[in-house]
Protein backbone atom coordinates (compact mmCIF):
# COMPACT_ATOMS: atom_id res chain seq x y z
CA MET A 1 95.89 119.47 93.13
CA THR A 2 98.38 121.88 94.16
CA VAL A 3 97.51 125.47 93.44
CA LYS A 4 100.36 127.03 91.39
CA LEU A 5 100.62 130.74 90.28
CA ARG A 6 101.89 131.20 86.73
CA LYS A 7 104.84 133.64 86.27
CA LYS A 8 103.64 137.14 86.74
CA GLU A 9 100.12 136.10 87.64
CA LYS A 10 98.34 138.15 90.18
CA LEU A 11 97.08 136.38 93.32
CA GLY A 12 93.53 136.90 92.81
CA ARG A 13 93.57 135.63 89.22
CA GLY A 14 95.50 132.44 90.39
CA LEU A 15 93.15 131.60 92.94
CA ARG A 16 90.24 132.16 90.80
CA ARG A 17 91.78 130.01 88.21
CA ALA A 18 92.50 127.37 91.03
CA CYS A 19 88.94 127.65 92.26
CA CYS A 20 87.42 127.08 88.67
CA GLN A 21 89.70 124.02 88.16
CA HIS A 22 88.44 122.45 91.34
CA ALA A 23 84.88 123.32 90.42
CA ARG A 24 85.13 121.77 87.03
CA LYS A 25 86.75 118.71 88.21
CA ALA A 26 84.16 118.13 90.92
CA LEU A 27 81.53 118.74 88.15
CA ALA A 28 83.15 116.27 86.04
CA CYS A 29 82.95 113.64 88.83
CA VAL A 30 79.34 114.38 89.65
CA ASN A 31 78.53 113.74 86.12
CA GLU A 32 80.01 110.25 86.58
CA THR A 33 78.31 109.25 89.95
CA HIS A 34 77.55 105.79 88.92
CA HIS A 35 81.11 105.08 90.10
CA ALA A 36 81.62 105.17 93.56
CA GLU A 37 85.11 106.54 93.14
CA ALA A 38 83.72 109.41 91.31
CA VAL A 39 81.48 110.50 94.49
CA HIS A 40 84.62 110.28 96.62
CA ASP A 41 86.55 112.36 94.14
CA ALA A 42 83.99 114.96 93.75
CA ARG A 43 83.51 115.55 97.55
CA LYS A 44 87.41 115.81 97.78
CA GLU A 45 87.38 118.54 95.07
CA ILE A 46 84.70 120.11 96.90
CA LYS A 47 86.80 120.14 100.18
CA LYS A 48 89.67 121.71 98.38
CA LEU A 49 87.49 124.16 96.90
CA ARG A 50 86.08 125.10 100.39
CA ALA A 51 89.77 125.15 101.66
CA LEU A 52 90.70 127.69 99.24
CA PHE A 53 87.91 129.99 99.95
CA ARG A 54 88.75 129.77 103.71
CA LEU A 55 92.24 130.79 102.69
CA MET A 56 90.65 133.95 100.91
CA ARG A 57 88.06 134.48 103.55
CA ALA A 58 90.10 137.88 104.83
CA GLY A 59 90.33 139.31 101.41
CA LEU A 60 86.33 138.72 100.77
CA PRO A 61 83.52 140.65 101.78
CA LYS A 62 81.80 138.66 104.46
CA SER A 63 78.65 138.47 102.13
CA THR A 64 80.49 136.96 99.19
CA TYR A 65 82.30 134.56 101.52
CA ARG A 66 79.09 133.44 103.01
CA ARG A 67 77.32 132.95 99.79
CA ALA A 68 80.16 131.01 98.40
CA ALA A 69 80.36 128.73 101.44
CA ASP A 70 76.81 128.05 101.50
CA ALA A 71 76.87 127.21 97.72
CA MET A 72 79.69 124.65 98.24
CA ARG A 73 77.95 123.10 101.24
CA LEU A 74 74.89 122.74 99.40
CA ALA A 75 76.54 121.11 96.19
CA GLY A 76 78.34 118.57 98.45
CA LYS A 77 75.17 117.68 100.44
CA PRO A 78 73.60 115.34 97.77
CA LEU A 79 76.96 113.54 97.37
CA ASN A 80 76.87 112.81 101.28
CA ASP A 81 73.59 110.91 100.89
CA VAL A 82 75.06 108.88 97.93
CA ARG A 83 78.31 108.36 99.89
CA ASP A 84 76.17 107.28 103.02
CA ALA A 85 73.94 104.90 100.92
CA ARG A 86 77.22 103.32 99.49
CA VAL A 87 78.85 102.72 102.89
CA THR A 88 75.52 101.23 104.30
CA GLN A 89 75.42 98.93 101.25
CA LYS A 90 79.26 97.81 101.85
CA ALA A 91 78.35 97.16 105.61
CA PHE A 92 75.37 94.97 104.88
CA GLU A 93 77.50 93.04 102.36
CA GLU A 94 80.20 92.64 104.92
CA LEU A 95 77.57 91.24 107.34
CA VAL A 96 76.03 89.03 105.09
CA ASN A 97 78.84 87.93 102.74
CA GLY A 98 81.85 88.58 105.24
CA GLU A 99 84.57 85.88 105.86
CA GLY A 100 83.82 85.71 109.51
CA ARG A 101 80.06 86.04 109.10
CA LYS A 102 79.57 88.72 111.70
CA PHE A 103 75.95 87.45 112.73
CA PRO A 104 76.05 85.47 116.08
CA GLU A 105 74.88 81.94 116.39
CA PHE A 106 71.23 81.77 117.58
CA LYS A 107 69.83 78.72 119.51
């Protein structure tokens, strides 16, 4: 999602609006975590949100930035476990069911 300011919108208000949009979209994705794609989408939205905060870093008090960065990192952490479990599952499926049968022949 591209951040676009509205006509005559102040920068701070526009960035706050964009952050809220990314946070809402990430939350909507998290609520649908039974889909592997939803986890990926939620992680992407959190990354976009973190990127916005990095852009605003110079204009924020250090404690505010740190609190926001910590909150976003903690919000994304459980999604890492879900993603890792899905990647591991796919890897095992490929080992067992893959076209080339990745296990070597044993004698």
